[in-house]
Amino acid sequence: MIMVKDNFLQNLTNICGSQYISQDPKELKAYSEDLSFLKGKSPICIVWPSNSQEVGKIVKLANDLKFNIIPISLKSKFMHHGDSLPKRENSVILNLSRMNKVLSIDRKNRVVMVEPGVSFDQLVPILKKKGLRLLLPLHPTASRSILATALEREPITIPRYHWDSSDPLLCTEVVFGTGDLFRTGTAAGPGTIKQQQKVGQAQVNPMGPTQFSPYRVIQGAQGSLGVVTWATLKLELLPSTHKIYHFQSDDLQTLLDLQYELLKYRLCDELFILNNINLACLLKQDSQEISELIGTLKKWNLIYIISGRGPLAKDRISYLEGDIEEIRAELDIKFAEPEVEISDREILHFLNEPCEKPWRMRLKGAYQDIFFLTGFEKIPKFISMMETNYKEDFGIYIQPINQGTSYHIEFDSFYEPKDESVVKTIKDTILGVGNQLMDNGAFFSRPYGIWTKDVFSHHSAETVDTLKKVKKIFDPNNVLNPGVLCFDD
């Protein structure tokens, strides 16, 4: 250990108070492992700051005493990407769960400001009472941090509201690796946040300040460039009426073509494709019920929702139905009646409510996911490649993003966590498949854990060097989450 231990702990105590520092061996062990294939180092301690000033002081202390900081928004036993595991011995866990305030909700501008400790099960009910909703990823885990989910660019289920790869993230307050506090977008000024809000500003525009938009490098950096202490996020109004469609087919291309046309004209809200395994996992809790439902569903399932609000809501539903029927007629698409009827209530539940534990764990208790971005035309090729190389059953999730300009493709491998031979086989197999996907043009925009080295090996040396220069600017002493992405030295 580099620093003098007593002096180190005394400094942290002066910042946060002794009751918000822990060296309990059981707690430390919990932060050195997650559900990924990686193993982390045991941290020195865990510290819980209460505001951005304390975060800044801790980061500056890390620069002075040469220890590392692993920022975590909310500790969850379901963490599984390995991005928050300490990679070095002299690491401190910066747990931001005490910073759990909903700072403001602006219905007029449809924006909410939250601290990193705010979870889905905390905010979703509050917004519902105000007639608002978050732009949610697919059935998020209740205990997950909303801010962290936005920073990690998890795809949302309503692609027509997804205008930019950063959505729904807007403005942020961030403590860089130097300990300096900075606000991005229109939050940068002029004036304080209270002064801005007093005159009607809502911190909606994420660009800037000036021609510089630092939120672009903060997002997806896995806490290696800065610690975000609050952010504003886009909201939408709750619809007053809606209609849910669920089409099943054994022909993926038929559903892809319909999905493409629906999105081109922005006719619906939620819009995605699941295979029968993932849909069954979303609908049922018990593994036996999931297995039974898988057998009754067709392989591919397109789900979309049309909605309306206000006095003309029903009129809007009517003309949208007409437009969609014209598209189906033009494509000459006919769907047989499904063998099993899925109720609207069941679909709305997993689209609008968080779940207690990750829905992907319901089938066998553990899972690993491979996800990447691609264009519309390459989707069938990548699925065929996965089916050829991976012989076990796996879940598939196809989510258009950015107005359909690209697609999030996800393959979920399910397994018994205690079966070590299966764990090793899955690890080796999906690593091999992942490299083959990359070789054929799959873009891994969110490289985690075991994927990281392979992902950056597919990039040019100039790209990696540029990223390291960015790291040197915002975190010159490499104190924030060293070892993630390509920052391994």
Protein backbone atom coordinates (compact mmCIF):
# COMPACT_ATOMS: atom_id res chain seq x y z
CA MET A 1 0.00 0.00 0.00
CA ILE A 2 1.42 3.36 -1.03
CA MET A 3 -0.22 5.73 1.43
CA VAL A 4 0.17 5.85 5.22
CA LYS A 5 -2.95 4.02 6.34
CA ASP A 6 -3.82 6.03 9.46
CA ASN A 7 -3.32 9.36 7.71
CA PHE A 8 -5.37 8.12 4.79
CA LEU A 9 -8.34 7.08 6.95
CA GLN A 10 -8.17 10.25 9.01
CA ASN A 11 -8.38 12.36 5.87
CA LEU A 12 -11.43 10.44 4.65
CA THR A 13 -13.02 10.76 8.09
CA ASN A 14 -12.53 14.52 7.99
CA ILE A 15 -14.39 14.64 4.68
CA CYS A 16 -17.30 12.24 5.23
CA GLY A 17 -17.37 11.28 8.91
CA SER A 18 -16.30 7.95 10.39
CA GLN A 19 -19.82 6.47 10.17
CA TYR A 20 -19.64 6.67 6.37
CA ILE A 21 -16.40 4.70 6.00
CA SER A 22 -16.26 0.92 6.21
CA GLN A 23 -13.44 -1.63 6.32
CA ASP A 24 -15.68 -4.56 7.16
CA PRO A 25 -14.10 -7.64 5.47
CA LYS A 26 -17.48 -9.01 4.32
CA GLU A 27 -18.44 -5.70 2.72
CA LEU A 28 -15.03 -5.38 1.06
CA LYS A 29 -15.32 -8.89 -0.37
CA ALA A 30 -18.76 -8.07 -1.82
CA TYR A 31 -17.20 -5.24 -3.84
CA SER A 32 -14.45 -7.47 -5.26
CA GLU A 33 -16.82 -9.76 -7.16
CA ASP A 34 -19.93 -9.64 -9.30
CA LEU A 35 -21.81 -11.94 -11.69
CA SER A 36 -19.30 -11.51 -14.51
CA PHE A 37 -16.44 -13.87 -15.36
CA LEU A 38 -13.95 -11.44 -13.79
CA LYS A 39 -12.49 -11.29 -10.30
CA GLY A 40 -11.51 -8.00 -8.71
CA LYS A 41 -9.08 -6.96 -5.99
CA SER A 42 -10.29 -6.34 -2.47
CA PRO A 43 -10.63 -2.57 -1.89
CA ILE A 44 -9.05 -0.77 1.07
CA CYS A 45 -12.34 0.66 2.21
CA ILE A 46 -15.77 1.92 1.14
CA VAL A 47 -16.73 5.55 1.51
CA TRP A 48 -20.18 7.14 1.17
CA PRO A 49 -20.07 10.86 0.27
CA SER A 50 -23.21 12.97 0.57
CA ASN A 51 -22.63 15.72 -2.01
CA SER A 52 -20.46 16.85 -4.90
CA GLN A 53 -18.15 18.87 -2.62
CA GLU A 54 -17.23 15.74 -0.69
CA VAL A 55 -16.74 13.83 -3.93
CA GLY A 56 -14.34 16.53 -5.16
CA LYS A 57 -12.35 16.45 -1.92
CA ILE A 58 -12.03 12.66 -2.07
CA VAL A 59 -10.83 12.75 -5.69
CA LYS A 60 -8.26 15.42 -4.84
CA LEU A 61 -7.12 13.31 -1.88
CA ALA A 62 -6.68 10.35 -4.22
CA ASN A 63 -4.40 12.46 -6.40
CA ASP A 64 -2.36 13.54 -3.37
CA LEU A 65 -2.05 10.13 -1.69
CA LYS A 66 -1.94 8.04 -4.89
CA PHE A 67 -4.86 5.69 -4.36
CA ASN A 68 -7.52 4.71 -6.87
CA ILE A 69 -11.26 5.41 -6.82
CA ILE A 70 -13.98 3.08 -8.13
CA PRO A 71 -17.20 5.11 -8.43
CA ILE A 72 -20.42 3.13 -7.91
CA SER A 73 -23.87 4.72 -8.09
CA LEU A 74 -25.74 1.95 -6.31
CA LYS A 75 -24.29 -1.32 -5.08
CA SER A 76 -26.37 -4.25 -6.29
CA LYS A 77 -25.87 -7.99 -5.98
CA PHE A 78 -26.95 -8.20 -9.63
CA MET A 79 -23.98 -6.26 -11.09
CA HIS A 80 -22.55 -8.44 -13.84
CA HIS A 81 -20.36 -6.55 -16.31
CA GLY A 82 -17.16 -6.33 -14.25
CA ASP A 83 -16.76 -2.60 -14.91
CA SER A 84 -16.95 -1.69 -11.21
CA LEU A 85 -14.49 -4.28 -9.90
CA PRO A 86 -11.24 -2.86 -8.45
CA LYS A 87 -8.33 -3.76 -10.75
CA ARG A 88 -5.64 -2.62 -8.33
CA GLU A 89 -4.84 -3.25 -4.66
CA ASN A 90 -4.92 0.36 -3.41
CA SER A 91 -8.52 1.11 -4.42
CA VAL A 92 -11.33 2.85 -2.58
CA ILE A 93 -14.98 2.26 -3.43
CA LEU A 94 -16.80 5.58 -3.83
CA ASN A 95 -20.40 4.55 -3.15
CA LEU A 96 -22.78 7.32 -4.22
CA SER A 97 -25.96 5.75 -2.80
CA ARG A 98 -26.36 8.48 -0.15
CA MET A 99 -26.78 10.96 -2.98
CA ASN A 100 -30.31 9.82 -3.75
CA LYS A 101 -32.36 12.98 -4.17
CA VAL A 102 -34.76 13.77 -7.00
CA LEU A 103 -33.62 17.38 -7.30
CA SER A 104 -36.34 18.68 -9.63
CA ILE A 105 -39.15 17.57 -11.95
CA ASP A 106 -40.18 19.95 -14.75
CA ARG A 107 -43.39 18.79 -16.44
CA LYS A 108 -43.48 21.71 -18.88
CA ASN A 109 -40.02 20.96 -20.27
CA ARG A 110 -40.30 17.20 -19.61
CA VAL A 111 -37.05 16.86 -17.71
CA VAL A 112 -36.00 15.44 -14.34
CA MET A 113 -32.81 16.10 -12.37
CA VAL A 114 -31.54 13.17 -10.28
CA GLU A 115 -28.54 12.25 -8.20
CA PRO A 116 -26.70 8.95 -8.87
CA GLY A 117 -28.33 7.09 -5.97
CA VAL A 118 -31.88 7.41 -7.38
CA SER A 119 -33.20 4.00 -8.46
CA PHE A 120 -35.96 2.99 -10.86
CA ASP A 121 -38.32 1.83 -8.12
CA GLN A 122 -37.86 5.20 -6.39
CA LEU A 123 -38.55 7.49 -9.35
CA VAL A 124 -41.05 5.64 -11.58
CA PRO A 125 -43.98 5.92 -9.10
CA ILE A 126 -43.23 9.62 -8.43
CA LEU A 127 -43.36 10.43 -12.13
CA LYS A 128 -46.56 8.45 -12.69
CA LYS A 129 -48.39 10.63 -10.18
CA LYS A 130 -47.38 13.65 -12.27
CA GLY A 131 -48.45 12.06 -15.56
CA LEU A 132 -44.86 11.57 -16.72
CA ARG A 133 -42.67 8.61 -17.60
CA LEU A 134 -39.00 7.82 -18.02
CA LEU A 135 -37.64 6.55 -21.30
CA LEU A 136 -36.95 3.08 -19.94
CA PRO A 137 -34.69 0.26 -21.07
CA LEU A 138 -36.38 -3.12 -21.36
CA HIS A 139 -37.76 -4.08 -17.89
CA PRO A 140 -34.94 -2.55 -15.80
CA THR A 141 -33.95 -3.91 -12.41
CA ALA A 142 -35.65 -1.93 -9.62
CA SER A 143 -32.48 -1.32 -7.60
CA ARG A 144 -30.44 -0.01 -10.55
CA SER A 145 -29.30 3.60 -10.71
CA ILE A 146 -31.22 5.60 -13.30
CA LEU A 147 -28.29 7.94 -13.83
CA ALA A 148 -25.79 5.09 -14.31
CA THR A 149 -28.12 3.40 -16.81
CA ALA A 150 -28.24 6.58 -18.90
CA LEU A 151 -24.47 7.02 -18.66
CA GLU A 152 -23.99 3.48 -19.94
CA ARG A 153 -26.20 4.20 -22.97
CA GLU A 154 -28.55 1.28 -22.41
CA PRO A 155 -31.08 1.31 -25.28
CA ILE A 156 -34.59 2.55 -24.59
CA THR A 157 -37.69 0.79 -25.94
CA ILE A 158 -39.14 3.86 -27.70
CA PRO A 159 -36.84 4.54 -30.67
CA ARG A 160 -38.86 7.47 -32.04
CA TYR A 161 -37.82 9.48 -28.98
CA HIS A 162 -34.20 8.39 -29.41
CA TRP A 163 -32.76 11.28 -31.41
CA ASP A 164 -29.15 11.04 -30.31
CA SER A 165 -26.93 8.25 -29.02
CA SER A 166 -26.77 10.11 -25.69
CA ASP A 167 -30.55 10.12 -25.09
CA PRO A 168 -32.12 10.30 -22.56
CA LEU A 169 -29.08 11.89 -20.87
CA LEU A 170 -29.02 15.70 -20.97
CA CYS A 171 -26.90 17.97 -18.72
CA THR A 172 -24.55 16.73 -16.00
CA GLU A 173 -22.51 17.89 -13.06
CA VAL A 174 -19.22 16.00 -12.99
CA VAL A 175 -16.10 15.85 -10.85
CA PHE A 176 -13.20 15.09 -13.18
CA GLY A 177 -10.19 13.01 -12.19
CA THR A 178 -8.39 16.19 -11.12
CA GLY A 179 -11.07 16.90 -8.51
CA ASP A 180 -12.42 19.88 -10.47
CA LEU A 181 -16.20 20.38 -10.60
CA PHE A 182 -17.74 21.04 -14.02
CA ARG A 183 -21.25 21.33 -15.45
CA THR A 184 -22.04 20.36 -19.02
CA GLY A 185 -24.52 21.72 -21.54
CA THR A 186 -26.72 24.68 -20.63
CA ALA A 187 -26.15 23.83 -16.95
CA ALA A 188 -22.67 25.36 -17.33
CA GLY A 189 -24.15 28.84 -17.04
CA PRO A 190 -24.45 31.69 -16.80
CA GLY A 191 -25.61 31.60 -13.20
CA THR A 192 -26.11 28.82 -10.68
CA ILE A 193 -28.66 26.07 -11.21
CA LYS A 194 -31.13 27.79 -8.86
CA GLN A 195 -30.71 31.07 -10.71
CA GLN A 196 -31.24 29.33 -14.05
CA GLN A 197 -34.38 27.56 -12.86
CA LYS A 198 -35.74 30.78 -11.36
CA VAL A 199 -35.82 32.37 -14.82
CA GLY A 200 -37.32 29.27 -16.47
CA GLN A 201 -34.28 27.37 -17.72
CA ALA A 202 -34.49 23.61 -17.33
CA GLN A 203 -31.01 22.26 -18.23
CA VAL A 204 -32.42 20.53 -21.31
CA ASN A 205 -29.72 21.12 -23.94
CA PRO A 206 -26.72 18.81 -23.33
CA MET A 207 -24.43 20.51 -25.87
CA GLY A 208 -21.66 22.81 -24.76
CA PRO A 209 -20.42 24.88 -23.14
CA THR A 210 -19.26 26.66 -26.33
CA GLN A 211 -18.28 24.19 -29.05
CA PHE A 212 -17.10 21.66 -26.48
CA SER A 213 -19.53 18.95 -25.33
CA PRO A 214 -17.75 16.99 -22.58
CA TYR A 215 -20.78 14.80 -21.89
CA ARG A 216 -19.78 12.92 -25.06
CA VAL A 217 -16.61 11.61 -23.40
CA ILE A 218 -18.12 11.13 -19.95
CA GLN A 219 -20.90 8.88 -21.24
CA GLY A 220 -19.76 5.30 -21.66
CA ALA A 221 -16.43 5.93 -19.90
CA GLN A 222 -17.39 3.63 -16.99
CA GLY A 223 -16.33 6.18 -14.38
CA SER A 224 -12.78 6.44 -15.72
CA LEU A 225 -12.85 10.16 -16.58
CA GLY A 226 -15.20 11.70 -14.04
CA VAL A 227 -17.77 11.11 -11.31
CA VAL A 228 -21.23 12.41 -12.26
CA THR A 229 -22.98 13.84 -9.20
CA TRP A 230 -26.30 14.72 -10.88
CA ALA A 231 -27.82 14.65 -14.34
CA THR A 232 -30.96 15.79 -16.11
CA LEU A 233 -32.88 13.20 -18.15
CA LYS A 234 -35.59 13.43 -20.79
CA LEU A 235 -39.16 12.55 -19.85
CA GLU A 236 -42.33 12.03 -21.86
CA LEU A 237 -46.01 12.46 -21.00
CA LEU A 238 -47.94 9.34 -20.05
CA PRO A 239 -50.39 8.39 -22.82
CA SER A 240 -54.08 8.54 -21.92
CA THR A 241 -54.92 5.70 -24.30
CA HIS A 242 -52.96 3.09 -26.17
CA LYS A 243 -53.22 -0.09 -28.19
CA ILE A 244 -50.77 -2.99 -27.95
CA TYR A 245 -49.84 -5.20 -30.88
CA HIS A 246 -48.05 -8.53 -30.64
CA PHE A 247 -47.25 -10.36 -33.87
CA GLN A 248 -45.62 -13.79 -33.94
CA SER A 249 -43.82 -15.45 -36.84
CA ASP A 250 -41.20 -18.07 -37.61
CA ASP A 251 -39.88 -15.75 -40.33
CA LEU A 252 -37.67 -13.02 -38.86
CA GLN A 253 -37.39 -11.01 -42.08
CA THR A 254 -41.17 -10.48 -42.21
CA LEU A 255 -41.13 -8.86 -38.77
CA LEU A 256 -37.98 -6.86 -39.52
CA ASP A 257 -39.57 -5.40 -42.65
CA LEU A 258 -42.70 -4.37 -40.75
CA GLN A 259 -40.64 -2.96 -37.87
CA TYR A 260 -38.58 -0.93 -40.36
CA GLU A 261 -41.65 0.64 -41.96
CA LEU A 262 -43.30 1.42 -38.62
CA LEU A 263 -40.22 3.24 -37.45
CA LYS A 264 -39.64 5.05 -40.74
CA TYR A 265 -42.96 6.86 -40.31
CA ARG A 266 -42.67 7.06 -36.48
CA LEU A 267 -46.09 5.51 -36.04
CA CYS A 268 -45.61 3.87 -32.66
CA ASP A 269 -43.97 4.27 -29.28
CA GLU A 270 -42.47 1.03 -27.90
CA LEU A 271 -41.10 -1.10 -30.74
CA PHE A 272 -38.82 -4.15 -30.58
CA ILE A 273 -38.40 -7.83 -31.51
CA LEU A 274 -37.73 -10.70 -29.11
CA ASN A 275 -37.28 -14.37 -29.69
CA ASN A 276 -39.54 -16.79 -27.80
CA ILE A 277 -36.98 -17.41 -25.03
CA ASN A 278 -36.53 -13.78 -24.03
CA LEU A 279 -40.24 -13.01 -24.28
CA ALA A 280 -41.04 -15.98 -22.01
CA CYS A 281 -38.44 -14.74 -19.50
CA LEU A 282 -40.11 -11.32 -19.46
CA LEU A 283 -43.60 -12.72 -18.96
CA LYS A 284 -43.05 -15.48 -16.39
CA GLN A 285 -41.16 -15.69 -13.10
CA ASP A 286 -40.73 -19.44 -12.64
CA SER A 287 -38.27 -21.42 -14.80
CA GLN A 288 -40.80 -24.22 -15.41
CA GLU A 289 -43.46 -21.76 -16.55
CA ILE A 290 -40.87 -20.08 -18.79
CA SER A 291 -39.95 -23.40 -20.41
CA GLU A 292 -43.60 -24.24 -21.02
CA LEU A 293 -44.31 -20.84 -22.58
CA ILE A 294 -41.26 -21.05 -24.86
CA GLY A 295 -42.75 -24.14 -26.49
CA THR A 296 -46.07 -22.42 -27.28
CA LEU A 297 -44.64 -19.18 -28.75
CA LYS A 298 -43.42 -18.81 -32.30
CA LYS A 299 -39.71 -18.09 -32.58
CA TRP A 300 -39.99 -14.34 -33.35
CA ASN A 301 -42.19 -11.78 -31.65
CA LEU A 302 -42.71 -8.17 -32.73
CA ILE A 303 -44.28 -5.94 -30.07
CA TYR A 304 -45.28 -2.34 -30.67
CA ILE A 305 -47.65 0.16 -29.06
CA ILE A 306 -49.54 3.07 -30.58
CA SER A 307 -50.77 5.72 -28.17
CA GLY A 308 -52.50 9.05 -27.82
CA ARG A 309 -53.04 11.72 -25.22
CA GLY A 310 -55.34 14.63 -24.77
CA PRO A 311 -58.83 15.26 -26.25
CA LEU A 312 -57.92 13.80 -29.67
CA ALA A 313 -56.26 10.65 -28.32
CA LYS A 314 -58.83 8.24 -29.79
CA ASP A 315 -58.72 9.98 -33.15
CA ARG A 316 -54.97 9.55 -33.21
CA ILE A 317 -55.27 5.82 -32.44
CA SER A 318 -57.78 5.50 -35.28
CA TYR A 319 -55.66 7.09 -37.98
CA LEU A 320 -52.52 5.27 -36.81
CA GLU A 321 -54.36 1.95 -37.13
CA GLY A 322 -55.37 2.89 -40.64
CA ASP A 323 -51.82 3.83 -41.64
CA ILE A 324 -50.41 0.60 -40.20
CA GLU A 325 -52.98 -1.52 -42.00
CA GLU A 326 -51.99 0.15 -45.27
CA ILE A 327 -48.34 -0.72 -44.60
CA ARG A 328 -49.22 -4.35 -43.83
CA ALA A 329 -51.26 -4.56 -47.03
CA GLU A 330 -48.44 -3.07 -49.08
CA LEU A 331 -45.96 -5.56 -47.61
CA ASP A 332 -48.53 -8.34 -48.05
CA ILE A 333 -48.05 -9.47 -44.45
CA LYS A 334 -50.60 -11.81 -42.89
CA PHE A 335 -50.34 -13.21 -39.39
CA ALA A 336 -52.05 -16.35 -38.10
CA GLU A 337 -53.77 -16.30 -34.73
CA PRO A 338 -51.22 -17.03 -31.97
CA GLU A 339 -51.41 -20.37 -30.14
CA VAL A 340 -51.16 -18.55 -26.82
CA GLU A 341 -52.62 -15.12 -26.17
CA ILE A 342 -50.45 -12.68 -24.22
CA SER A 343 -52.54 -10.10 -22.39
CA ASP A 344 -52.00 -6.36 -22.76
CA ARG A 345 -51.59 -6.11 -19.00
CA GLU A 346 -48.64 -8.52 -19.04
CA ILE A 347 -46.88 -6.62 -21.81
CA LEU A 348 -47.49 -3.22 -20.22
CA HIS A 349 -46.13 -4.53 -16.93
CA PHE A 350 -42.67 -5.38 -18.25
CA LEU A 351 -42.57 -2.21 -20.35
CA ASN A 352 -43.52 0.22 -17.58
CA GLU A 353 -42.46 -1.39 -14.31
CA PRO A 354 -39.01 -2.33 -12.97
CA CYS A 355 -38.38 -5.91 -11.80
CA GLU A 356 -36.96 -7.05 -8.47
CA LYS A 357 -34.12 -9.04 -10.04
CA PRO A 358 -32.87 -9.13 -13.64
CA TRP A 359 -35.45 -10.90 -15.82
CA ARG A 360 -32.67 -12.67 -17.69
CA MET A 361 -31.83 -14.60 -14.50
CA ARG A 362 -35.27 -16.22 -14.26
CA LEU A 363 -34.65 -19.17 -16.57
CA LYS A 364 -31.52 -20.74 -15.04
CA GLY A 365 -30.25 -18.37 -12.36
CA ALA A 366 -27.40 -16.77 -14.33
CA TYR A 367 -26.71 -15.31 -17.75
CA GLN A 368 -24.08 -13.63 -19.88
CA ASP A 369 -24.96 -11.22 -22.66
CA ILE A 370 -23.30 -10.20 -25.90
CA PHE A 371 -24.57 -6.94 -27.35
CA PHE A 372 -23.47 -4.66 -30.15
CA LEU A 373 -24.73 -2.20 -32.75
CA THR A 374 -25.26 -2.91 -36.42
CA GLY A 375 -27.23 -1.82 -39.48
CA PHE A 376 -30.61 -3.20 -40.50
CA GLU A 377 -29.33 -5.34 -43.38
CA LYS A 378 -26.78 -7.27 -41.27
CA ILE A 379 -29.14 -8.46 -38.52
CA PRO A 380 -30.02 -11.87 -40.06
CA LYS A 381 -26.36 -12.58 -40.82
CA PHE A 382 -25.26 -11.99 -37.24
CA ILE A 383 -28.09 -14.12 -35.84
CA SER A 384 -27.18 -16.94 -38.24
CA MET A 385 -23.55 -16.64 -37.18
CA MET A 386 -24.51 -16.93 -33.52
CA GLU A 387 -26.78 -19.92 -34.15
CA THR A 388 -24.02 -21.70 -36.07
CA ASN A 389 -21.36 -21.21 -33.41
CA TYR A 390 -23.40 -21.44 -30.22
CA LYS A 391 -25.29 -24.69 -29.88
CA GLU A 392 -27.21 -23.94 -26.68
CA ASP A 393 -30.55 -22.11 -26.59
CA PHE A 394 -30.14 -18.37 -26.15
CA GLY A 395 -32.30 -15.27 -25.97
CA ILE A 396 -32.35 -12.58 -28.68
CA TYR A 397 -33.40 -8.95 -28.36
CA ILE A 398 -33.52 -6.60 -31.38
CA GLN A 399 -33.99 -2.93 -30.51
CA PRO A 400 -33.86 -0.13 -33.10
CA ILE A 401 -32.17 3.01 -31.76
CA ASN A 402 -31.49 6.53 -33.05
CA GLN A 403 -34.66 6.69 -35.15
CA GLY A 404 -33.79 3.30 -36.64
CA THR A 405 -30.46 4.40 -38.09
CA SER A 406 -28.87 1.51 -36.18
CA TYR A 407 -29.92 -1.48 -34.11
CA HIS A 408 -28.96 -2.86 -30.72
CA ILE A 409 -28.62 -6.64 -31.04
CA GLU A 410 -28.34 -8.72 -27.88
CA PHE A 411 -27.70 -12.42 -27.37
CA ASP A 412 -28.35 -13.79 -23.86
CA SER A 413 -26.76 -17.07 -22.76
CA PHE A 414 -28.44 -18.75 -19.78
CA TYR A 415 -26.74 -21.24 -17.45
CA GLU A 416 -26.65 -22.75 -13.98
CA PRO A 417 -24.15 -20.65 -12.00
CA LYS A 418 -22.87 -23.59 -9.93
CA ASP A 419 -22.00 -25.75 -12.94
CA GLU A 420 -18.32 -24.84 -13.39
CA SER A 421 -17.85 -26.84 -16.59
CA VAL A 422 -20.77 -25.05 -18.22
CA VAL A 423 -19.45 -21.67 -17.03
CA LYS A 424 -16.05 -22.33 -18.64
CA THR A 425 -17.64 -23.56 -21.87
CA ILE A 426 -19.86 -20.50 -22.14
CA LYS A 427 -16.96 -18.17 -21.41
CA ASP A 428 -14.74 -19.72 -24.08
CA THR A 429 -17.54 -20.03 -26.63
CA ILE A 430 -18.95 -16.53 -26.39
CA LEU A 431 -15.46 -15.03 -26.49
CA GLY A 432 -14.85 -16.85 -29.75
CA VAL A 433 -18.24 -15.87 -31.16
CA GLY A 434 -17.72 -12.28 -30.06
CA ASN A 435 -14.46 -12.02 -31.97
CA GLN A 436 -16.11 -13.48 -35.07
CA LEU A 437 -18.92 -10.93 -34.78
CA MET A 438 -16.38 -8.10 -34.54
CA ASP A 439 -14.47 -9.45 -37.55
CA ASN A 440 -17.70 -9.21 -39.53
CA GLY A 441 -18.50 -5.63 -38.59
CA ALA A 442 -20.39 -5.79 -35.28
CA PHE A 443 -19.70 -2.55 -33.39
CA PHE A 444 -19.25 -3.11 -29.67
CA SER A 445 -19.95 0.42 -28.43
CA ARG A 446 -20.07 -0.64 -24.77
CA PRO A 447 -17.06 -2.90 -24.13
CA TYR A 448 -17.18 -4.54 -20.70
CA GLY A 449 -15.12 -7.04 -18.77
CA ILE A 450 -13.80 -9.95 -20.80
CA TRP A 451 -14.70 -8.20 -24.07
CA THR A 452 -12.57 -5.12 -23.52
CA LYS A 453 -9.19 -6.26 -24.83
CA ASP A 454 -10.69 -7.96 -27.87
CA VAL A 455 -12.77 -4.89 -28.71
CA PHE A 456 -9.83 -2.49 -28.61
CA SER A 457 -7.62 -4.93 -30.51
CA HIS A 458 -10.04 -4.42 -33.41
CA HIS A 459 -9.45 -0.65 -33.32
CA SER A 460 -6.45 1.16 -34.76
CA ALA A 461 -3.53 2.11 -32.54
CA GLU A 462 -4.28 5.76 -33.32
CA THR A 463 -7.78 5.44 -31.81
CA VAL A 464 -6.42 3.89 -28.62
CA ASP A 465 -3.68 6.53 -28.36
CA THR A 466 -6.28 9.29 -28.75
CA LEU A 467 -8.44 7.82 -25.99
CA LYS A 468 -5.42 7.65 -23.70
CA LYS A 469 -4.69 11.33 -24.40
CA VAL A 470 -8.28 12.16 -23.41
CA LYS A 471 -7.79 10.16 -20.21
CA LYS A 472 -4.60 12.11 -19.49
CA ILE A 473 -6.46 15.41 -19.82
CA PHE A 474 -9.36 14.60 -17.49
CA ASP A 475 -7.61 12.16 -15.13
CA PRO A 476 -3.85 12.81 -15.40
CA ASN A 477 -2.90 10.59 -12.47
CA ASN A 478 -5.17 7.69 -13.51
CA VAL A 479 -6.98 7.61 -10.17
CA LEU A 480 -10.49 6.90 -11.53
CA ASN A 481 -11.30 3.24 -12.23
CA PRO A 482 -7.95 2.31 -13.79
CA GLY A 483 -7.93 -0.79 -15.97
CA VAL A 484 -11.29 -0.32 -17.68
CA LEU A 485 -11.61 0.26 -21.43
CA CYS A 486 -8.09 0.70 -22.84
CA PHE A 487 -6.74 2.49 -19.77
CA ASP A 488 -4.74 -0.45 -18.47
CA ASP A 489 -1.40 1.24 -17.79
